[in-house]
Protein backbone atom coordinates (compact mmCIF):
# COMPACT_ATOMS: atom_id res chain seq x y z
CA MET A 1 7.94 17.88 -91.79
CA THR A 2 8.00 15.88 -95.85
CA VAL A 3 5.86 11.79 -95.95
CA LEU A 4 3.84 9.11 -97.82
CA SER A 5 0.18 8.53 -97.09
CA ASN A 6 -1.92 5.39 -97.31
CA HIS A 7 -4.72 5.15 -99.88
CA THR A 8 -7.98 4.45 -98.05
CA GLY A 9 -10.38 4.32 -100.99
CA LYS A 10 -12.90 1.49 -101.03
CA GLN A 11 -12.01 0.22 -104.49
CA CYS A 12 -8.89 -1.84 -104.94
CA ILE A 13 -7.35 -2.33 -108.39
CA HIS A 14 -4.77 -5.05 -108.89
CA TYR A 15 -1.88 -4.02 -111.13
CA HIS A 16 0.25 -6.41 -113.09
CA HIS A 17 3.67 -6.24 -114.76
CA ASP A 18 5.48 -5.50 -111.51
CA GLU A 19 8.72 -6.01 -113.41
CA ASP A 20 8.14 -2.51 -114.82
CA PHE A 21 7.91 -0.93 -111.36
CA PRO A 22 11.71 -0.51 -110.84
CA GLU A 23 11.89 1.23 -114.23
CA LEU A 24 9.18 3.64 -113.10
CA LEU A 25 11.10 4.52 -109.92
CA GLU A 26 14.30 4.94 -111.92
CA ASN A 27 12.54 7.27 -114.37
CA ILE A 28 11.19 9.36 -111.49
CA HIS A 29 14.70 9.67 -110.06
CA VAL A 30 16.29 10.63 -113.38
CA LYS A 31 13.59 13.11 -114.43
CA THR A 32 12.82 14.77 -111.09
CA GLY A 33 15.68 14.02 -108.70
CA TRP A 34 13.29 12.43 -106.21
CA ASP A 35 14.67 9.05 -105.12
CA PHE A 36 11.97 6.66 -103.95
CA ARG A 37 13.85 3.47 -104.83
CA ASP A 38 14.44 2.46 -101.20
CA TYR A 39 11.01 3.45 -99.92
CA LYS A 40 8.59 0.72 -98.89
CA LYS A 41 7.08 -0.60 -102.09
CA SER A 42 3.62 -1.26 -100.65
CA SER A 43 3.19 2.40 -99.65
CA LEU A 44 4.52 3.65 -102.99
CA LYS A 45 2.23 1.41 -105.00
CA ARG A 46 -0.83 2.55 -103.09
CA ARG A 47 -0.06 6.19 -103.89
CA ILE A 48 0.99 5.59 -107.49
CA SER A 49 -2.19 3.60 -108.11
CA LEU A 50 -4.12 6.87 -107.81
CA ARG A 51 -2.35 8.25 -110.87
CA LEU A 52 -2.87 5.01 -112.81
CA SER A 53 -6.57 5.20 -112.01
CA ALA A 54 -6.68 8.84 -113.10
CA HIS A 55 -5.41 7.76 -116.53
CA ASN A 56 -7.49 4.57 -116.61
CA VAL A 57 -4.44 2.32 -117.08
CA SER A 58 -3.60 -0.83 -115.15
CA SER A 59 0.10 -1.39 -115.76
CA TYR A 60 3.29 0.45 -114.89
CA ARG A 61 4.44 -0.02 -118.48
CA ASP A 62 1.45 1.96 -119.76
CA TYR A 63 2.00 4.61 -117.12
CA ASN A 64 5.67 4.91 -118.05
CA SER A 65 4.49 5.65 -121.59
CA ILE A 66 2.19 8.38 -120.30
CA LEU A 67 5.07 9.97 -118.40
CA GLU A 68 7.21 9.87 -121.52
CA SER A 69 4.57 11.65 -123.59
CA ASP A 70 3.53 14.11 -120.86
CA PRO A 71 6.51 15.16 -118.66
CA GLU A 72 4.24 17.40 -116.56
CA GLU A 73 2.68 14.21 -115.20
CA TYR A 74 5.87 13.72 -113.17
CA SER A 75 4.95 16.76 -111.09
CA ARG A 76 1.46 15.43 -110.48
CA LEU A 77 2.86 12.02 -109.58
CA VAL A 78 5.39 13.37 -107.07
CA SER A 79 2.69 15.55 -105.53
CA THR A 80 0.54 12.45 -105.10
CA ILE A 81 3.35 10.41 -103.56
CA THR A 82 4.53 13.10 -101.15
CA VAL A 83 1.79 14.24 -98.81
CA LYS A 84 2.54 16.90 -96.21
CA VAL A 85 1.18 15.83 -92.83
CA SER A 86 1.88 18.32 -90.06
CA GLU A 87 0.10 20.41 -87.47
CA PHE A 88 0.96 22.63 -84.54
CA PHE A 89 1.83 20.76 -81.34
CA ARG A 90 1.25 17.39 -82.96
CA GLU A 91 1.08 14.85 -80.12
CA PRO A 92 1.00 17.57 -77.43
CA GLU A 93 2.46 15.23 -74.80
CA VAL A 94 5.75 15.27 -76.75
CA PHE A 95 5.98 19.04 -76.38
CA ASP A 96 5.05 18.76 -72.70
CA LEU A 97 8.02 16.41 -72.29
CA ILE A 98 10.29 18.76 -74.23
CA ARG A 99 9.30 21.57 -71.85
CA GLU A 100 10.24 19.39 -68.87
CA LEU A 101 13.58 18.35 -70.36
CA VAL A 102 14.79 21.50 -72.09
CA ILE A 103 13.45 24.54 -70.23
CA PRO A 104 14.99 23.91 -66.76
CA SER A 105 18.50 23.45 -68.15
CA PHE A 106 18.33 26.16 -70.81
CA SER A 107 21.17 28.68 -70.75
CA PRO A 108 20.79 31.94 -72.71
CA GLU A 109 24.57 32.05 -73.13
CA GLU A 110 24.88 28.53 -74.53
CA GLY A 111 21.61 28.72 -76.45
CA LEU A 112 20.15 25.75 -78.33
CA ARG A 113 20.43 24.15 -81.75
CA ALA A 114 17.33 22.26 -82.86
CA TRP A 115 16.41 20.61 -86.14
CA SER A 116 13.06 19.61 -87.61
CA CYS A 117 13.95 17.08 -90.32
CA GLY A 118 11.08 16.69 -92.76
CA CYS A 119 9.41 19.90 -91.61
CA ALA A 120 6.57 19.95 -94.20
CA HIS A 121 4.88 23.35 -93.81
CA GLY A 122 6.80 24.32 -90.67
CA GLU A 123 4.28 23.73 -87.89
CA GLU A 124 6.61 21.51 -85.86
CA ALA A 125 9.57 23.91 -85.95
CA TYR A 126 7.34 26.88 -85.14
CA SER A 127 5.71 24.92 -82.29
CA LEU A 128 9.13 24.57 -80.69
CA GLY A 129 9.77 28.28 -81.21
CA ILE A 130 6.48 29.11 -79.50
CA VAL A 131 7.29 26.83 -76.54
CA LEU A 132 10.69 28.47 -76.06
CA ALA A 133 9.41 32.03 -76.53
CA ASN A 134 6.47 31.58 -74.15
CA SER A 135 8.44 29.63 -71.51
CA ILE A 136 11.74 31.52 -71.51
CA GLY A 137 11.04 34.85 -73.20
CA ILE A 138 11.95 35.87 -76.73
CA GLU A 139 14.62 38.28 -75.48
CA LYS A 140 16.66 35.37 -74.04
CA LEU A 141 16.66 33.34 -77.27
CA ARG A 142 19.36 35.23 -79.17
CA ASN A 143 21.55 32.10 -79.27
CA VAL A 144 18.73 29.75 -80.30
CA ARG A 145 18.73 28.34 -83.83
CA ILE A 146 15.92 26.13 -85.04
CA PHE A 147 16.68 24.58 -88.42
CA ALA A 148 13.80 23.19 -90.45
CA THR A 149 14.37 21.21 -93.65
CA ASP A 150 12.32 19.33 -96.18
CA ILE A 151 12.98 17.77 -99.56
CA ASP A 152 10.07 19.72 -101.08
CA GLU A 153 11.06 23.29 -101.96
CA LYS A 154 7.42 24.38 -102.36
CA ALA A 155 6.62 23.22 -98.84
CA VAL A 156 9.64 25.07 -97.44
CA ASN A 157 8.67 28.28 -99.24
CA THR A 158 5.16 28.00 -97.81
CA ALA A 159 6.57 27.43 -94.32
CA ARG A 160 8.71 30.58 -94.46
CA LYS A 161 5.57 32.74 -94.77
CA GLY A 162 4.20 31.61 -91.41
CA LEU A 163 0.59 31.81 -92.61
CA TYR A 164 -1.87 29.12 -91.52
CA ARG A 165 -5.55 28.38 -91.94
CA GLU A 166 -7.86 27.50 -89.07
CA ASP A 167 -7.63 23.74 -89.69
CA SER A 168 -3.91 23.80 -88.85
CA MET A 169 -4.59 25.35 -85.44
CA GLN A 170 -6.62 22.62 -83.73
CA ASN A 171 -4.00 22.00 -81.02
CA VAL A 172 -3.29 25.71 -80.42
CA SER A 173 -5.00 27.12 -77.35
CA ASP A 174 -6.69 30.51 -77.44
CA PRO A 175 -4.04 32.09 -75.16
CA VAL A 176 -1.25 30.86 -77.45
CA LYS A 177 -3.13 32.11 -80.52
CA LYS A 178 -3.43 35.51 -78.88
CA ALA A 179 0.21 35.63 -77.74
CA SER A 180 1.93 34.19 -80.81
CA PHE A 181 -0.27 34.88 -83.85
CA LEU A 182 -2.00 37.73 -85.63
CA LYS A 183 -5.49 37.04 -86.92
CA THR A 184 -5.88 37.63 -90.66
CA ASP A 185 -8.73 37.36 -93.15
CA ILE A 186 -7.67 33.84 -94.16
CA GLY A 187 -6.33 32.48 -90.88
CA TYR A 188 -3.37 33.22 -88.64
CA GLU A 189 0.06 34.76 -89.15
CA LEU A 190 2.85 33.80 -86.78
CA ARG A 191 4.61 36.65 -84.99
CA GLN A 192 7.69 37.82 -86.84
CA ASP A 193 10.06 37.49 -83.86
CA ILE A 194 9.13 33.82 -83.50
CA ARG A 195 9.45 33.22 -87.26
CA HIS A 196 12.99 34.62 -87.08
CA LEU A 197 13.99 31.80 -84.70
CA VAL A 198 13.54 29.27 -87.52
CA ARG A 199 15.83 28.90 -90.53
CA PHE A 200 14.27 26.93 -93.36
CA GLY A 201 16.12 25.09 -96.09
CA THR A 202 15.70 22.39 -98.70
CA LEU A 203 17.44 19.13 -97.82
CA ASP A 204 17.21 15.55 -99.07
CA ILE A 205 18.23 13.67 -95.94
CA ILE A 206 18.81 10.49 -97.96
CA ASN A 207 21.47 11.98 -100.22
CA GLY A 208 22.42 15.23 -98.47
CA PHE A 209 24.59 16.15 -95.50
CA PRO A 210 22.92 16.47 -92.08
CA ILE A 211 23.06 19.50 -89.80
CA SER A 212 25.67 19.11 -87.07
CA LYS A 213 25.96 19.79 -83.32
CA VAL A 214 22.23 19.54 -82.67
CA ASP A 215 20.75 19.51 -79.14
CA LEU A 216 17.20 18.55 -80.15
CA LEU A 217 16.22 16.70 -83.31
CA PHE A 218 12.67 16.01 -84.54
CA CYS A 219 12.34 13.33 -87.22
CA ARG A 220 8.81 12.03 -86.87
CA ASN A 221 6.89 9.67 -89.13
CA MET A 222 9.51 9.56 -91.86
CA LEU A 223 11.33 6.33 -91.13
CA ILE A 224 8.16 4.23 -91.40
CA TYR A 225 8.16 4.78 -95.16
CA PHE A 226 11.73 3.52 -95.66
CA GLU A 227 13.04 0.00 -96.12
CA LYS A 228 15.22 -1.19 -93.22
CA GLU A 229 18.55 -0.49 -94.92
CA LEU A 230 17.49 3.06 -95.76
CA GLN A 231 16.23 3.54 -92.19
CA LYS A 232 19.68 2.58 -90.94
CA ARG A 233 21.43 5.00 -93.32
CA VAL A 234 19.20 7.88 -92.27
CA LEU A 235 19.52 7.08 -88.56
CA GLU A 236 23.29 7.09 -88.89
CA LYS A 237 23.06 10.63 -90.24
CA LEU A 238 20.76 11.71 -87.41
CA ASP A 239 23.11 10.09 -84.90
CA PHE A 240 25.98 12.07 -86.40
CA SER A 241 23.96 15.28 -85.99
CA LEU A 242 23.21 14.91 -82.29
CA LYS A 243 25.52 16.05 -79.53
CA PRO A 244 26.07 13.62 -76.64
CA GLY A 245 23.12 14.24 -74.35
CA GLY A 246 21.01 15.48 -77.25
CA LEU A 247 17.39 14.45 -77.74
CA LEU A 248 15.97 12.57 -80.73
CA VAL A 249 12.20 12.63 -81.22
CA LEU A 250 10.68 9.93 -83.45
CA GLY A 251 7.07 9.22 -84.42
CA LYS A 252 4.80 7.15 -82.21
CA SER A 253 5.01 4.11 -84.50
CA GLU A 254 8.80 4.33 -84.88
CA THR A 255 11.49 2.80 -82.68
CA LEU A 256 15.27 2.81 -82.71
CA PRO A 257 16.76 -0.44 -84.05
CA SER A 258 18.72 -2.60 -81.63
CA SER A 259 21.99 -1.51 -83.27
CA PHE A 260 21.46 1.96 -81.75
CA SER A 261 20.14 0.83 -78.36
CA SER A 262 23.51 1.04 -76.59
CA ARG A 263 23.86 4.71 -77.56
CA TYR A 264 20.37 5.92 -76.60
CA GLU A 265 17.90 5.73 -73.74
CA GLU A 266 14.18 6.37 -74.10
CA ILE A 267 13.15 9.10 -71.68
CA LEU A 268 9.75 7.59 -70.90
CA ASP A 269 8.42 4.24 -72.01
CA ARG A 270 6.83 4.55 -75.46
CA SER A 271 7.43 8.32 -75.55
CA ARG A 272 9.73 7.90 -78.58
CA VAL A 273 11.93 10.65 -77.14
CA TYR A 274 15.47 9.34 -76.90
CA ARG A 275 18.57 10.80 -75.26
CA ARG A 276 21.95 10.10 -76.84
CA ILE A 277 24.11 8.81 -74.00
CA SER A 278 27.41 8.28 -75.82
């Protein structure tokens, strides 16, 4: 999956002229197409403060001037705001639960449609591919489609290569490394037949159209960065995507709002894996 990250530096600089902050977000949207206007302001300000510090300015008005004089700063700013956080088999217990729920009822004829929304560098989507290939057999997955999307085209292009350094492999056991990866000089390359299970694409879930008729949908640690109204809009799109009986996987610190509670049941308490029941 694509997310925002908290600034944990020891120094804290207080910025003034907050009335210029909406103008900054509007400029980012107009110049880059990235729309952060309905993201949580506290998270945005923590990330943006890094760029203000880099230029030794303390107001959004001054930083807007810097962006106007140096358009390449927009790229550096967006890179600072959007931090790719992903790893193979993140929260392994989630994948254990997916094995229990999906594998016994899997039909090679019917196949499976899965979606990793906010896929970052692809580890989550590939993790699902590895689970299916190792549990069912790659030869039975001809009707499996795993879609993986992110707003960041660079991240998606990196994901397509299926090349990962050692630090991305901390949750991958030695048997899985041996069965699913080829060792290279710089790390590990995912097997081609598993890579072919995943179809990557660029998608802005806020403004774009969701993938439809999905059996299993991962959208983890994205909603926490949105204001409540934007959360609701995105969840409505995810709800549209899922088939009745489909599974929605959220992040550990995310929950479905009460407005969706009648349509979903959580598989296990605090698992954040929900089944659509209607």
